């Protein structure tokens, strides 16, 4: 499942990334494989989304979130 497919309140564990450049950026911000994430908010028009990861809230574009693969 992709991070962009989560519903508010759902949790997942980061499995892998499908974009190398984006993966480096996200890993620098604490989105590491094996880390638990929770979808906390979705903007009124659906983009961006807010996730909780590594103890803090991070906002991502839906396009970026679609490149993060999760275990549910």
C-alpha atoms as a PDB file:
ATOM      1  CA  UNK A   1       0.000   0.000   0.000  1.00  0.00           C
ATOM      2  CA  UNK A   2       1.153   3.548  -0.710  1.00  0.00           C
ATOM      3  CA  UNK A   3       1.314   6.259   1.933  1.00  0.00           C
ATOM      4  CA  UNK A   4      -1.042   8.320  -0.239  1.00  0.00           C
ATOM      5  CA  UNK A   5      -3.714   5.574   0.119  1.00  0.00           C
ATOM      6  CA  UNK A   6      -3.967   5.768   3.934  1.00  0.00           C
ATOM      7  CA  UNK A   7      -7.109   7.120   5.584  1.00  0.00           C
ATOM      8  CA  UNK A   8      -6.938   9.564   8.501  1.00  0.00           C
ATOM      9  CA  UNK A   9      -5.853   7.711  11.644  1.00  0.00           C
ATOM     10  CA  UNK A  10      -4.411   4.704   9.791  1.00  0.00           C
ATOM     11  CA  UNK A  11      -0.899   3.520  10.575  1.00  0.00           C
ATOM     12  CA  UNK A  12       1.723   1.808   8.466  1.00  0.00           C
ATOM     13  CA  UNK A  13       5.415   0.958   8.494  1.00  0.00           C
ATOM     14  CA  UNK A  14       7.681   2.327   5.793  1.00  0.00           C
ATOM     15  CA  UNK A  15       8.867  -0.513   3.566  1.00  0.00           C
ATOM     16  CA  UNK A  16      10.587   1.232   0.644  1.00  0.00           C
ATOM     17  CA  UNK A  17      10.639   4.234  -1.686  1.00  0.00           C
ATOM     18  CA  UNK A  18      10.119   4.209  -5.451  1.00  0.00           C
ATOM     19  CA  UNK A  19      12.053   7.442  -6.137  1.00  0.00           C
ATOM     20  CA  UNK A  20      15.759   7.602  -5.204  1.00  0.00           C
ATOM     21  CA  UNK A  21      16.045  11.408  -4.991  1.00  0.00           C
ATOM     22  CA  UNK A  22      12.904  11.665  -2.878  1.00  0.00           C
ATOM     23  CA  UNK A  23      14.033   8.795  -0.643  1.00  0.00           C
ATOM     24  CA  UNK A  24      17.203  10.683   0.320  1.00  0.00           C
ATOM     25  CA  UNK A  25      15.166  13.796   1.181  1.00  0.00           C
ATOM     26  CA  UNK A  26      12.647  11.819   3.246  1.00  0.00           C
ATOM     27  CA  UNK A  27      15.289   9.785   5.077  1.00  0.00           C
ATOM     28  CA  UNK A  28      17.024  13.024   6.101  1.00  0.00           C
ATOM     29  CA  UNK A  29      13.709  14.042   7.697  1.00  0.00           C
ATOM     30  CA  UNK A  30      13.339  10.776   9.650  1.00  0.00           C
ATOM     31  CA  UNK A  31      11.269   8.699   7.219  1.00  0.00           C
ATOM     32  CA  UNK A  32      13.403   5.581   7.415  1.00  0.00           C
ATOM     33  CA  UNK A  33      12.425   2.056   6.353  1.00  0.00           C
ATOM     34  CA  UNK A  34      10.943   0.322   9.406  1.00  0.00           C
ATOM     35  CA  UNK A  35       9.632   3.594  10.898  1.00  0.00           C
ATOM     36  CA  UNK A  36       5.947   3.767  11.847  1.00  0.00           C
ATOM     37  CA  UNK A  37       3.835   6.506  10.219  1.00  0.00           C
ATOM     38  CA  UNK A  38       0.293   7.712  10.868  1.00  0.00           C
ATOM     39  CA  UNK A  39      -1.823   9.856   8.567  1.00  0.00           C
ATOM     40  CA  UNK A  40      -3.054  12.737  10.727  1.00  0.00           C
ATOM     41  CA  UNK A  41      -4.590  15.273   8.352  1.00  0.00           C
ATOM     42  CA  UNK A  42      -5.557  15.852   4.745  1.00  0.00           C
ATOM     43  CA  UNK A  43      -5.911  19.398   3.393  1.00  0.00           C
ATOM     44  CA  UNK A  44      -9.429  20.406   2.274  1.00  0.00           C
ATOM     45  CA  UNK A  45      -8.569  19.945  -1.401  1.00  0.00           C
ATOM     46  CA  UNK A  46      -6.723  16.670  -0.699  1.00  0.00           C
ATOM     47  CA  UNK A  47      -3.165  17.977  -1.017  1.00  0.00           C
ATOM     48  CA  UNK A  48      -0.911  18.157   1.006  1.00  0.00           C
ATOM     49  CA  UNK A  49      -1.226  15.535   3.737  1.00  0.00           C
ATOM     50  CA  UNK A  50       0.228  15.585   7.264  1.00  0.00           C
ATOM     51  CA  UNK A  51       1.823  12.465   8.723  1.00  0.00           C
ATOM     52  CA  UNK A  52       3.314  11.725  12.117  1.00  0.00           C
ATOM     53  CA  UNK A  53       6.732  10.068  11.891  1.00  0.00           C
ATOM     54  CA  UNK A  54       9.674   9.865  14.309  1.00  0.00           C
ATOM     55  CA  UNK A  55       7.702  11.870  16.888  1.00  0.00           C
ATOM     56  CA  UNK A  56       6.920  14.907  14.748  1.00  0.00           C
ATOM     57  CA  UNK A  57       4.462  16.029  12.085  1.00  0.00           C
ATOM     58  CA  UNK A  58       5.584  16.230   8.459  1.00  0.00           C
ATOM     59  CA  UNK A  59       3.625  17.582   5.477  1.00  0.00           C
ATOM     60  CA  UNK A  60       4.000  15.911   2.092  1.00  0.00           C
ATOM     61  CA  UNK A  61       2.489  16.437  -1.311  1.00  0.00           C
ATOM     62  CA  UNK A  62       0.216  13.602  -2.377  1.00  0.00           C
ATOM     63  CA  UNK A  63       2.598  12.918  -5.298  1.00  0.00           C
ATOM     64  CA  UNK A  64       5.500  12.439  -2.858  1.00  0.00           C
ATOM     65  CA  UNK A  65       3.394  10.230  -0.583  1.00  0.00           C
ATOM     66  CA  UNK A  66       2.536   7.987  -3.534  1.00  0.00           C
ATOM     67  CA  UNK A  67       6.228   7.060  -3.781  1.00  0.00           C
ATOM     68  CA  UNK A  68       6.379   5.676  -0.225  1.00  0.00           C
ATOM     69  CA  UNK A  69       5.423   1.987   0.047  1.00  0.00           C
ATOM     70  CA  UNK A  70       4.107   0.757   3.415  1.00  0.00           C
ATOM     71  CA  UNK A  71       3.425  -2.461   5.323  1.00  0.00           C
ATOM     72  CA  UNK A  72       0.033  -2.231   7.003  1.00  0.00           C
END
